[in-house]
């Protein structure tokens, strides 16, 4: 139960402190019901929803990386910038994945 409580605290912290997380949650709130409503196979719906949830997962990990880097030091450092940029790139790849999965499922 403790782990569940920590997870909920993590969601609350991400929602409170991360603009991108709030935007991606809004995206999920719109796209998950849309995926369920669209006339595609159950497998297609699962892929579409999984691709949206992957964005949430990657954003949570990126936010954790950024918070950790900021905790260590707010000074500018090449490695800190690299860590943050790589985390941001992971989010971008997950967003591109949503576009590709949805396009493939909807055009199949």
PDB file of N, CA and C in Angstrom:
ATOM      1  N   UNK A   1       0.816  -1.196   0.000  1.00  0.00           N
ATOM      2  CA  UNK A   1       0.000   0.000   0.000  1.00  0.00           C
ATOM      3  C   UNK A   1       0.858   1.258   0.000  1.00  0.00           C
ATOM      4  N   UNK A   2       2.004   1.168   0.665  1.00  0.00           N
ATOM      5  CA  UNK A   2       2.905   2.326   0.675  1.00  0.00           C
ATOM      6  C   UNK A   2       3.327   2.709  -0.731  1.00  0.00           C
ATOM      7  N   UNK A   3       3.669   1.720  -1.551  1.00  0.00           N
ATOM      8  CA  UNK A   3       4.110   1.997  -2.923  1.00  0.00           C
ATOM      9  C   UNK A   3       2.993   2.674  -3.716  1.00  0.00           C
ATOM     10  N   UNK A   4       1.763   2.235  -3.503  1.00  0.00           N
ATOM     11  CA  UNK A   4       0.630   2.856  -4.189  1.00  0.00           C
ATOM     12  C   UNK A   4       0.498   4.319  -3.782  1.00  0.00           C
ATOM     13  N   UNK A   5       0.650   4.589  -2.502  1.00  0.00           N
ATOM     14  CA  UNK A   5       0.592   5.974  -2.013  1.00  0.00           C
ATOM     15  C   UNK A   5       1.699   6.830  -2.608  1.00  0.00           C
ATOM     16  N   UNK A   6       2.907   6.254  -2.718  1.00  0.00           N
ATOM     17  CA  UNK A   6       4.017   6.991  -3.331  1.00  0.00           C
ATOM     18  C   UNK A   6       3.725   7.277  -4.803  1.00  0.00           C
ATOM     19  N   UNK A   7       3.109   6.323  -5.478  1.00  0.00           N
ATOM     20  CA  UNK A   7       2.751   6.512  -6.884  1.00  0.00           C
ATOM     21  C   UNK A   7       1.747   7.647  -7.041  1.00  0.00           C
ATOM     22  N   UNK A   8       0.741   7.668  -6.180  1.00  0.00           N
ATOM     23  CA  UNK A   8      -0.243   8.757  -6.242  1.00  0.00           C
ATOM     24  C   UNK A   8       0.407  10.105  -5.947  1.00  0.00           C
ATOM     25  N   UNK A   9       1.338  10.121  -5.000  1.00  0.00           N
ATOM     26  CA  UNK A   9       2.066  11.359  -4.702  1.00  0.00           C
ATOM     27  C   UNK A   9       2.877  11.801  -5.917  1.00  0.00           C
ATOM     28  N   UNK A  10       3.442  10.843  -6.641  1.00  0.00           N
ATOM     29  CA  UNK A  10       4.185  11.162  -7.854  1.00  0.00           C
ATOM     30  C   UNK A  10       3.298  11.761  -8.922  1.00  0.00           C
ATOM     31  N   UNK A  11       2.105  11.197  -9.112  1.00  0.00           N
ATOM     32  CA  UNK A  11       1.148  11.776 -10.072  1.00  0.00           C
ATOM     33  C   UNK A  11       0.781  13.201  -9.674  1.00  0.00           C
ATOM     34  N   UNK A  12       0.487  13.385  -8.386  1.00  0.00           N
ATOM     35  CA  UNK A  12       0.115  14.728  -7.921  1.00  0.00           C
ATOM     36  C   UNK A  12       1.250  15.718  -8.137  1.00  0.00           C
ATOM     37  N   UNK A  13       2.475  15.314  -7.812  1.00  0.00           N
ATOM     38  CA  UNK A  13       3.627  16.207  -7.983  1.00  0.00           C
ATOM     39  C   UNK A  13       3.845  16.546  -9.451  1.00  0.00           C
ATOM     40  N   UNK A  14       3.757  15.553 -10.312  1.00  0.00           N
ATOM     41  CA  UNK A  14       3.940  15.805 -11.744  1.00  0.00           C
ATOM     42  C   UNK A  14       2.858  16.740 -12.265  1.00  0.00           C
ATOM     43  N   UNK A  15       1.623  16.508 -11.849  1.00  0.00           N
ATOM     44  CA  UNK A  15       0.521  17.352 -12.317  1.00  0.00           C
ATOM     45  C   UNK A  15       0.677  18.786 -11.804  1.00  0.00           C
ATOM     46  N   UNK A  16       1.119  18.922 -10.571  1.00  0.00           N
ATOM     47  CA  UNK A  16       1.264  20.251  -9.967  1.00  0.00           C
ATOM     48  C   UNK A  16       2.442  21.034 -10.547  1.00  0.00           C
ATOM     49  N   UNK A  17       3.549  20.361 -10.823  1.00  0.00           N
ATOM     50  CA  UNK A  17       4.784  21.068 -11.148  1.00  0.00           C
ATOM     51  C   UNK A  17       5.195  21.008 -12.620  1.00  0.00           C
ATOM     52  N   UNK A  18       4.575  20.167 -13.411  1.00  0.00           N
ATOM     53  CA  UNK A  18       5.039  19.960 -14.789  1.00  0.00           C
ATOM     54  C   UNK A  18       3.958  20.330 -15.797  1.00  0.00           C
ATOM     55  N   UNK A  19       4.181  21.438 -16.507  1.00  0.00           N
ATOM     56  CA  UNK A  19       3.228  21.877 -17.534  1.00  0.00           C
ATOM     57  C   UNK A  19       3.050  20.818 -18.619  1.00  0.00           C
ATOM     58  N   UNK A  20       4.148  20.248 -19.081  1.00  0.00           N
ATOM     59  CA  UNK A  20       4.071  19.251 -20.152  1.00  0.00           C
ATOM     60  C   UNK A  20       3.242  18.046 -19.710  1.00  0.00           C
ATOM     61  N   UNK A  21       3.381  17.630 -18.465  1.00  0.00           N
ATOM     62  CA  UNK A  21       2.597  16.494 -17.964  1.00  0.00           C
ATOM     63  C   UNK A  21       1.108  16.819 -17.997  1.00  0.00           C
ATOM     64  N   UNK A  22       0.747  18.029 -17.570  1.00  0.00           N
ATOM     65  CA  UNK A  22      -0.666  18.426 -17.617  1.00  0.00           C
ATOM     66  C   UNK A  22      -1.190  18.419 -19.051  1.00  0.00           C
ATOM     67  N   UNK A  23      -0.386  18.894 -19.990  1.00  0.00           N
ATOM     68  CA  UNK A  23      -0.802  18.903 -21.396  1.00  0.00           C
ATOM     69  C   UNK A  23      -0.979  17.481 -21.916  1.00  0.00           C
ATOM     70  N   UNK A  24      -0.082  16.598 -21.543  1.00  0.00           N
ATOM     71  CA  UNK A  24      -0.163  15.228 -22.021  1.00  0.00           C
ATOM     72  C   UNK A  24      -1.299  14.459 -21.351  1.00  0.00           C
ATOM     73  N   UNK A  25      -1.625  14.792 -20.123  1.00  0.00           N
ATOM     74  CA  UNK A  25      -2.802  14.200 -19.487  1.00  0.00           C
ATOM     75  C   UNK A  25      -4.061  14.655 -20.222  1.00  0.00           C
ATOM     76  N   UNK A  26      -4.128  15.933 -20.586  1.00  0.00           N
ATOM     77  CA  UNK A  26      -5.268  16.429 -21.364  1.00  0.00           C
ATOM     78  C   UNK A  26      -5.360  15.689 -22.696  1.00  0.00           C
ATOM     79  N   UNK A  27      -4.228  15.499 -23.341  1.00  0.00           N
ATOM     80  CA  UNK A  27      -4.182  14.735 -24.584  1.00  0.00           C
ATOM     81  C   UNK A  27      -4.744  13.332 -24.362  1.00  0.00           C
ATOM     82  N   UNK A  28      -4.348  12.687 -23.278  1.00  0.00           N
ATOM     83  CA  UNK A  28      -4.822  11.334 -22.973  1.00  0.00           C
ATOM     84  C   UNK A  28      -6.321  11.324 -22.678  1.00  0.00           C
ATOM     85  N   UNK A  29      -6.796  12.332 -21.962  1.00  0.00           N
ATOM     86  CA  UNK A  29      -8.229  12.408 -21.631  1.00  0.00           C
ATOM     87  C   UNK A  29      -9.077  12.513 -22.901  1.00  0.00           C
ATOM     88  N   UNK A  30      -8.536  13.133 -23.920  1.00  0.00           N
ATOM     89  CA  UNK A  30      -9.252  13.250 -25.193  1.00  0.00           C
ATOM     90  C   UNK A  30      -9.047  12.003 -26.057  1.00  0.00           C
ATOM     91  N   UNK A  31      -7.807  11.538 -26.153  1.00  0.00           N
ATOM     92  CA  UNK A  31      -7.484  10.491 -27.125  1.00  0.00           C
ATOM     93  C   UNK A  31      -7.887   9.083 -26.692  1.00  0.00           C
ATOM     94  N   UNK A  32      -7.848   8.779 -25.410  1.00  0.00           N
ATOM     95  CA  UNK A  32      -8.230   7.428 -24.981  1.00  0.00           C
ATOM     96  C   UNK A  32      -9.717   7.170 -25.260  1.00  0.00           C
ATOM     97  N   UNK A  33     -10.637   8.066 -24.844  1.00  0.00           N
ATOM     98  CA  UNK A  33     -12.039   7.822 -25.214  1.00  0.00           C
ATOM     99  C   UNK A  33     -12.258   7.817 -26.730  1.00  0.00           C
ATOM    100  N   UNK A  34     -11.514   8.673 -27.448  1.00  0.00           N
ATOM    101  CA  UNK A  34     -11.628   8.687 -28.908  1.00  0.00           C
ATOM    102  C   UNK A  34     -11.219   7.340 -29.494  1.00  0.00           C
ATOM    103  N   UNK A  35     -10.140   6.774 -28.993  1.00  0.00           N
ATOM    104  CA  UNK A  35      -9.701   5.465 -29.476  1.00  0.00           C
ATOM    105  C   UNK A  35     -10.770   4.404 -29.216  1.00  0.00           C
ATOM    106  N   UNK A  36     -11.414   4.478 -28.059  1.00  0.00           N
ATOM    107  CA  UNK A  36     -12.472   3.513 -27.737  1.00  0.00           C
ATOM    108  C   UNK A  36     -13.690   3.695 -28.628  1.00  0.00           C
ATOM    109  N   UNK A  37     -13.942   4.919 -29.056  1.00  0.00           N
ATOM    110  CA  UNK A  37     -15.112   5.234 -29.866  1.00  0.00           C
ATOM    111  C   UNK A  37     -14.916   4.909 -31.344  1.00  0.00           C
ATOM    112  N   UNK A  38     -13.698   5.051 -31.843  1.00  0.00           N
ATOM    113  CA  UNK A  38     -13.440   4.857 -33.268  1.00  0.00           C
ATOM    114  C   UNK A  38     -13.694   3.411 -33.692  1.00  0.00           C
ATOM    115  N   UNK A  39     -14.176   3.238 -34.923  1.00  0.00           N
ATOM    116  CA  UNK A  39     -14.482   1.887 -35.415  1.00  0.00           C
ATOM    117  C   UNK A  39     -13.231   1.148 -35.907  1.00  0.00           C
ATOM    118  N   UNK A  40     -12.388   0.762 -34.966  1.00  0.00           N
ATOM    119  CA  UNK A  40     -11.203  -0.032 -35.299  1.00  0.00           C
ATOM    120  C   UNK A  40     -11.232  -1.298 -34.457  1.00  0.00           C
ATOM    121  N   UNK A  41     -10.387  -2.240 -34.798  1.00  0.00           N
ATOM    122  CA  UNK A  41     -10.361  -3.512 -34.072  1.00  0.00           C
ATOM    123  C   UNK A  41      -9.947  -3.291 -32.613  1.00  0.00           C
ATOM    124  N   UNK A  42     -10.218  -4.293 -31.803  1.00  0.00           N
ATOM    125  CA  UNK A  42      -9.801  -4.218 -30.403  1.00  0.00           C
ATOM    126  C   UNK A  42      -8.285  -4.093 -30.297  1.00  0.00           C
ATOM    127  N   UNK A  43      -7.587  -4.795 -31.159  1.00  0.00           N
ATOM    128  CA  UNK A  43      -6.124  -4.708 -31.172  1.00  0.00           C
ATOM    129  C   UNK A  43      -5.679  -3.291 -31.542  1.00  0.00           C
ATOM    130  N   UNK A  44      -6.352  -2.697 -32.523  1.00  0.00           N
ATOM    131  CA  UNK A  44      -6.043  -1.320 -32.912  1.00  0.00           C
ATOM    132  C   UNK A  44      -6.296  -0.352 -31.768  1.00  0.00           C
ATOM    133  N   UNK A  45      -7.419  -0.532 -31.086  1.00  0.00           N
ATOM    134  CA  UNK A  45      -7.728   0.320 -29.927  1.00  0.00           C
ATOM    135  C   UNK A  45      -6.647   0.187 -28.858  1.00  0.00           C
ATOM    136  N   UNK A  46      -6.227  -1.062 -28.605  1.00  0.00           N
ATOM    137  CA  UNK A  46      -5.192  -1.302 -27.592  1.00  0.00           C
ATOM    138  C   UNK A  46      -3.880  -0.611 -27.986  1.00  0.00           C
ATOM    139  N   UNK A  47      -3.498  -0.713 -29.239  1.00  0.00           N
ATOM    140  CA  UNK A  47      -2.278  -0.042 -29.697  1.00  0.00           C
ATOM    141  C   UNK A  47      -2.381   1.467 -29.559  1.00  0.00           C
ATOM    142  N   UNK A  48      -3.520   2.017 -29.933  1.00  0.00           N
ATOM    143  CA  UNK A  48      -3.714   3.464 -29.864  1.00  0.00           C
ATOM    144  C   UNK A  48      -3.636   3.953 -28.421  1.00  0.00           C
ATOM    145  N   UNK A  49      -4.312   3.246 -27.521  1.00  0.00           N
ATOM    146  CA  UNK A  49      -4.303   3.641 -26.112  1.00  0.00           C
ATOM    147  C   UNK A  49      -2.918   3.445 -25.505  1.00  0.00           C
ATOM    148  N   UNK A  50      -2.264   2.340 -25.829  1.00  0.00           N
ATOM    149  CA  UNK A  50      -0.922   2.083 -25.299  1.00  0.00           C
ATOM    150  C   UNK A  50       0.063   3.162 -25.745  1.00  0.00           C
ATOM    151  N   UNK A  51      -0.072   3.621 -26.984  1.00  0.00           N
ATOM    152  CA  UNK A  51       0.853   4.661 -27.459  1.00  0.00           C
ATOM    153  C   UNK A  51       0.652   5.963 -26.695  1.00  0.00           C
ATOM    154  N   UNK A  52      -0.586   6.274 -26.350  1.00  0.00           N
ATOM    155  CA  UNK A  52      -0.868   7.492 -25.567  1.00  0.00           C
ATOM    156  C   UNK A  52      -0.340   7.333 -24.142  1.00  0.00           C
ATOM    157  N   UNK A  53      -0.562   6.178 -23.532  1.00  0.00           N
ATOM    158  CA  UNK A  53      -0.080   5.953 -22.165  1.00  0.00           C
ATOM    159  C   UNK A  53       1.445   5.931 -22.105  1.00  0.00           C
ATOM    160  N   UNK A  54       2.080   5.499 -23.192  1.00  0.00           N
ATOM    161  CA  UNK A  54       3.544   5.515 -23.233  1.00  0.00           C
ATOM    162  C   UNK A  54       4.065   6.945 -23.103  1.00  0.00           C
ATOM    163  N   UNK A  55       3.375   7.901 -23.692  1.00  0.00           N
ATOM    164  CA  UNK A  55       3.781   9.313 -23.562  1.00  0.00           C
ATOM    165  C   UNK A  55       3.767   9.725 -22.093  1.00  0.00           C
ATOM    166  N   UNK A  56       2.716   9.332 -21.372  1.00  0.00           N
ATOM    167  CA  UNK A  56       2.602   9.662 -19.944  1.00  0.00           C
ATOM    168  C   UNK A  56       3.771   9.040 -19.175  1.00  0.00           C
ATOM    169  N   UNK A  57       4.066   7.780 -19.461  1.00  0.00           N
ATOM    170  CA  UNK A  57       5.160   7.086 -18.775  1.00  0.00           C
ATOM    171  C   UNK A  57       6.487   7.784 -19.031  1.00  0.00           C
ATOM    172  N   UNK A  58       6.764   8.083 -20.284  1.00  0.00           N
ATOM    173  CA  UNK A  58       8.043   8.703 -20.636  1.00  0.00           C
ATOM    174  C   UNK A  58       8.136  10.103 -20.031  1.00  0.00           C
ATOM    175  N   UNK A  59       7.033  10.836 -20.023  1.00  0.00           N
ATOM    176  CA  UNK A  59       7.050  12.177 -19.419  1.00  0.00           C
ATOM    177  C   UNK A  59       7.318  12.098 -17.924  1.00  0.00           C
ATOM    178  N   UNK A  60       6.740  11.119 -17.244  1.00  0.00           N
ATOM    179  CA  UNK A  60       7.015  10.946 -15.815  1.00  0.00           C
ATOM    180  C   UNK A  60       8.495  10.667 -15.578  1.00  0.00           C
ATOM    181  N   UNK A  61       9.081   9.807 -16.385  1.00  0.00           N
ATOM    182  CA  UNK A  61      10.511   9.512 -16.244  1.00  0.00           C
ATOM    183  C   UNK A  61      11.355  10.750 -16.560  1.00  0.00           C
ATOM    184  N   UNK A  62      10.991  11.480 -17.602  1.00  0.00           N
ATOM    185  CA  UNK A  62      11.709  12.703 -17.943  1.00  0.00           C
ATOM    186  C   UNK A  62      11.619  13.723 -16.808  1.00  0.00           C
ATOM    187  N   UNK A  63      10.455  13.870 -16.230  1.00  0.00           N
ATOM    188  CA  UNK A  63      10.284  14.806 -15.120  1.00  0.00           C
ATOM    189  C   UNK A  63      11.126  14.395 -13.922  1.00  0.00           C
ATOM    190  N   UNK A  64      11.215  13.081 -13.672  1.00  0.00           N
ATOM    191  CA  UNK A  64      12.051  12.600 -12.573  1.00  0.00           C
ATOM    192  C   UNK A  64      13.527  12.898 -12.834  1.00  0.00           C
ATOM    193  N   UNK A  65      13.959  12.715 -14.064  1.00  0.00           N
ATOM    194  CA  UNK A  65      15.345  13.040 -14.420  1.00  0.00           C
ATOM    195  C   UNK A  65      15.610  14.523 -14.201  1.00  0.00           C
ATOM    196  N   UNK A  66      14.704  15.362 -14.690  1.00  0.00           N
ATOM    197  CA  UNK A  66      14.896  16.807 -14.551  1.00  0.00           C
ATOM    198  C   UNK A  66      14.929  17.230 -13.081  1.00  0.00           C
ATOM    199  N   UNK A  67      14.042  16.668 -12.283  1.00  0.00           N
ATOM    200  CA  UNK A  67      14.022  17.018 -10.858  1.00  0.00           C
ATOM    201  C   UNK A  67      15.312  16.576 -10.172  1.00  0.00           C
ATOM    202  N   UNK A  68      15.795  15.415 -10.529  1.00  0.00           N
ATOM    203  CA  UNK A  68      17.038  14.917  -9.940  1.00  0.00           C
ATOM    204  C   UNK A  68      18.218  15.799 -10.326  1.00  0.00           C
ATOM    205  N   UNK A  69      18.305  16.159 -11.595  1.00  0.00           N
ATOM    206  CA  UNK A  69      19.389  17.020 -12.058  1.00  0.00           C
ATOM    207  C   UNK A  69      19.326  18.368 -11.354  1.00  0.00           C
ATOM    208  N   UNK A  70      18.112  18.921 -11.232  1.00  0.00           N
ATOM    209  CA  UNK A  70      17.965  20.215 -10.556  1.00  0.00           C
ATOM    210  C   UNK A  70      18.297  20.117  -9.071  1.00  0.00           C
ATOM    211  N   UNK A  71      18.025  18.981  -8.459  1.00  0.00           N
ATOM    212  CA  UNK A  71      18.339  18.781  -7.041  1.00  0.00           C
ATOM    213  C   UNK A  71      19.847  18.770  -6.812  1.00  0.00           C
ATOM    214  N   UNK A  72      20.549  18.190  -7.758  1.00  0.00           N
ATOM    215  CA  UNK A  72      22.010  18.101  -7.629  1.00  0.00           C
ATOM    216  C   UNK A  72      22.632  19.487  -7.727  1.00  0.00           C
ATOM    217  N   UNK A  73      22.181  20.256  -8.730  1.00  0.00           N
ATOM    218  CA  UNK A  73      22.724  21.600  -8.894  1.00  0.00           C
ATOM    219  C   UNK A  73      21.904  22.368  -9.915  1.00  0.00           C
ATOM    220  N   UNK A  74      21.694  23.650  -9.634  1.00  0.00           N
ATOM    221  CA  UNK A  74      21.020  24.514 -10.603  1.00  0.00           C
ATOM    222  C   UNK A  74      22.025  25.217 -11.508  1.00  0.00           C
ATOM    223  N   UNK A  75      23.315  24.981 -11.258  1.00  0.00           N
ATOM    224  CA  UNK A  75      24.347  25.549 -12.118  1.00  0.00           C
ATOM    225  C   UNK A  75      24.268  24.927 -13.507  1.00  0.00           C
ATOM    226  N   UNK A  76      24.636  25.712 -14.508  1.00  0.00           N
ATOM    227  CA  UNK A  76      24.693  25.178 -15.869  1.00  0.00           C
ATOM    228  C   UNK A  76      25.882  24.231 -15.977  1.00  0.00           C
ATOM    229  N   UNK A  77      25.609  23.056 -16.530  1.00  0.00           N
ATOM    230  CA  UNK A  77      26.661  22.064 -16.717  1.00  0.00           C
ATOM    231  C   UNK A  77      26.315  21.264 -17.965  1.00  0.00           C
ATOM    232  N   UNK A  78      27.324  20.944 -18.756  1.00  0.00           N
ATOM    233  CA  UNK A  78      27.087  20.217 -20.007  1.00  0.00           C
ATOM    234  C   UNK A  78      26.392  18.874 -19.788  1.00  0.00           C
ATOM    235  N   UNK A  79      26.783  18.153 -18.747  1.00  0.00           N
ATOM    236  CA  UNK A  79      26.165  16.846 -18.494  1.00  0.00           C
ATOM    237  C   UNK A  79      24.718  16.992 -18.027  1.00  0.00           C
ATOM    238  N   UNK A  80      24.437  18.025 -17.235  1.00  0.00           N
ATOM    239  CA  UNK A  80      23.057  18.262 -16.803  1.00  0.00           C
ATOM    240  C   UNK A  80      22.187  18.586 -18.008  1.00  0.00           C
ATOM    241  N   UNK A  81      22.690  19.433 -18.886  1.00  0.00           N
ATOM    242  CA  UNK A  81      21.951  19.789 -20.102  1.00  0.00           C
ATOM    243  C   UNK A  81      21.734  18.547 -20.963  1.00  0.00           C
ATOM    244  N   UNK A  82      22.781  17.733 -21.087  1.00  0.00           N
ATOM    245  CA  UNK A  82      22.665  16.518 -21.894  1.00  0.00           C
ATOM    246  C   UNK A  82      21.586  15.592 -21.333  1.00  0.00           C
ATOM    247  N   UNK A  83      21.578  15.401 -20.021  1.00  0.00           N
ATOM    248  CA  UNK A  83      20.577  14.528 -19.400  1.00  0.00           C
ATOM    249  C   UNK A  83      19.161  15.039 -19.659  1.00  0.00           C
ATOM    250  N   UNK A  84      18.970  16.339 -19.486  1.00  0.00           N
ATOM    251  CA  UNK A  84      17.648  16.924 -19.715  1.00  0.00           C
ATOM    252  C   UNK A  84      17.250  16.850 -21.183  1.00  0.00           C
ATOM    253  N   UNK A  85      18.184  17.114 -22.073  1.00  0.00           N
ATOM    254  CA  UNK A  85      17.895  17.065 -23.503  1.00  0.00           C
ATOM    255  C   UNK A  85      17.558  15.648 -23.963  1.00  0.00           C
ATOM    256  N   UNK A  86      18.271  14.666 -23.431  1.00  0.00           N
ATOM    257  CA  UNK A  86      18.000  13.277 -23.799  1.00  0.00           C
ATOM    258  C   UNK A  86      16.619  12.861 -23.291  1.00  0.00           C
ATOM    259  N   UNK A  87      16.273  13.257 -22.073  1.00  0.00           N
ATOM    260  CA  UNK A  87      14.929  12.972 -21.564  1.00  0.00           C
ATOM    261  C   UNK A  87      13.858  13.618 -22.427  1.00  0.00           C
ATOM    262  N   UNK A  88      14.101  14.846 -22.838  1.00  0.00           N
ATOM    263  CA  UNK A  88      13.159  15.544 -23.712  1.00  0.00           C
ATOM    264  C   UNK A  88      13.048  14.848 -25.067  1.00  0.00           C
ATOM    265  N   UNK A  89      14.165  14.362 -25.576  1.00  0.00           N
ATOM    266  CA  UNK A  89      14.147  13.626 -26.845  1.00  0.00           C
ATOM    267  C   UNK A  89      13.302  12.356 -26.727  1.00  0.00           C
ATOM    268  N   UNK A  90      13.379  11.693 -25.590  1.00  0.00           N
ATOM    269  CA  UNK A  90      12.576  10.483 -25.369  1.00  0.00           C
ATOM    270  C   UNK A  90      11.085  10.810 -25.423  1.00  0.00           C
ATOM    271  N   UNK A  91      10.706  11.947 -24.844  1.00  0.00           N
ATOM    272  CA  UNK A  91       9.306  12.369 -24.900  1.00  0.00           C
ATOM    273  C   UNK A  91       8.902  12.633 -26.351  1.00  0.00           C
ATOM    274  N   UNK A  92       9.769  13.308 -27.104  1.00  0.00           N
ATOM    275  CA  UNK A  92       9.477  13.582 -28.506  1.00  0.00           C
ATOM    276  C   UNK A  92       9.288  12.291 -29.298  1.00  0.00           C
ATOM    277  N   UNK A  93      10.151  11.319 -29.072  1.00  0.00           N
ATOM    278  CA  UNK A  93      10.021  10.033 -29.772  1.00  0.00           C
ATOM    279  C   UNK A  93       8.695   9.371 -29.410  1.00  0.00           C
ATOM    280  N   UNK A  94       8.290   9.449 -28.152  1.00  0.00           N
ATOM    281  CA  UNK A  94       7.017   8.832 -27.752  1.00  0.00           C
ATOM    282  C   UNK A  94       5.833   9.555 -28.397  1.00  0.00           C
ATOM    283  N   UNK A  95       5.935  10.871 -28.579  1.00  0.00           N
ATOM    284  CA  UNK A  95       4.871  11.613 -29.259  1.00  0.00           C
ATOM    285  C   UNK A  95       4.816  11.264 -30.747  1.00  0.00           C
ATOM    286  N   UNK A  96       5.972  11.116 -31.371  1.00  0.00           N
ATOM    287  CA  UNK A  96       6.008  10.683 -32.772  1.00  0.00           C
ATOM    288  C   UNK A  96       5.407   9.287 -32.895  1.00  0.00           C
ATOM    289  N   UNK A  97       5.687   8.433 -31.906  1.00  0.00           N
ATOM    290  CA  UNK A  97       5.108   7.092 -31.884  1.00  0.00           C
ATOM    291  C   UNK A  97       3.578   7.150 -31.893  1.00  0.00           C
ATOM    292  N   UNK A  98       3.000   8.075 -31.131  1.00  0.00           N
ATOM    293  CA  UNK A  98       1.539   8.228 -31.131  1.00  0.00           C
ATOM    294  C   UNK A  98       1.056   8.548 -32.543  1.00  0.00           C
ATOM    295  N   UNK A  99       1.709   9.492 -33.194  1.00  0.00           N
ATOM    296  CA  UNK A  99       1.295   9.871 -34.555  1.00  0.00           C
ATOM    297  C   UNK A  99       1.383   8.690 -35.516  1.00  0.00           C
ATOM    298  N   UNK A 100       2.481   7.948 -35.449  1.00  0.00           N
ATOM    299  CA  UNK A 100       2.671   6.819 -36.352  1.00  0.00           C
ATOM    300  C   UNK A 100       1.652   5.716 -36.080  1.00  0.00           C
ATOM    301  N   UNK A 101       1.479   5.353 -34.808  1.00  0.00           N
ATOM    302  CA  UNK A 101       0.527   4.280 -34.468  1.00  0.00           C
ATOM    303  C   UNK A 101      -0.882   4.675 -34.882  1.00  0.00           C
ATOM    304  N   UNK A 102      -1.307   5.874 -34.523  1.00  0.00           N
ATOM    305  CA  UNK A 102      -2.660   6.286 -34.876  1.00  0.00           C
ATOM    306  C   UNK A 102      -2.855   6.350 -36.386  1.00  0.00           C
ATOM    307  N   UNK A 103      -1.856   6.864 -37.099  1.00  0.00           N
ATOM    308  CA  UNK A 103      -1.979   6.937 -38.565  1.00  0.00           C
ATOM    309  C   UNK A 103      -2.083   5.530 -39.170  1.00  0.00           C
ATOM    310  N   UNK A 104      -1.243   4.620 -38.713  1.00  0.00           N
ATOM    311  CA  UNK A 104      -1.278   3.260 -39.246  1.00  0.00           C
ATOM    312  C   UNK A 104      -2.581   2.547 -38.921  1.00  0.00           C
ATOM    313  N   UNK A 105      -3.054   2.699 -37.695  1.00  0.00           N
ATOM    314  CA  UNK A 105      -4.310   2.027 -37.311  1.00  0.00           C
ATOM    315  C   UNK A 105      -5.484   2.620 -38.080  1.00  0.00           C
ATOM    316  N   UNK A 106      -5.507   3.931 -38.219  1.00  0.00           N
ATOM    317  CA  UNK A 106      -6.661   4.571 -38.869  1.00  0.00           C
ATOM    318  C   UNK A 106      -6.659   4.414 -40.389  1.00  0.00           C
ATOM    319  N   UNK A 107      -5.516   4.120 -40.972  1.00  0.00           N
ATOM    320  CA  UNK A 107      -5.464   3.945 -42.421  1.00  0.00           C
ATOM    321  C   UNK A 107      -5.424   2.479 -42.841  1.00  0.00           C
ATOM    322  N   UNK A 108      -5.469   1.578 -41.866  1.00  0.00           N
ATOM    323  CA  UNK A 108      -5.403   0.133 -42.177  1.00  0.00           C
ATOM    324  C   UNK A 108      -6.705  -0.350 -42.775  1.00  0.00           C
TER     325      UNK A 108
END
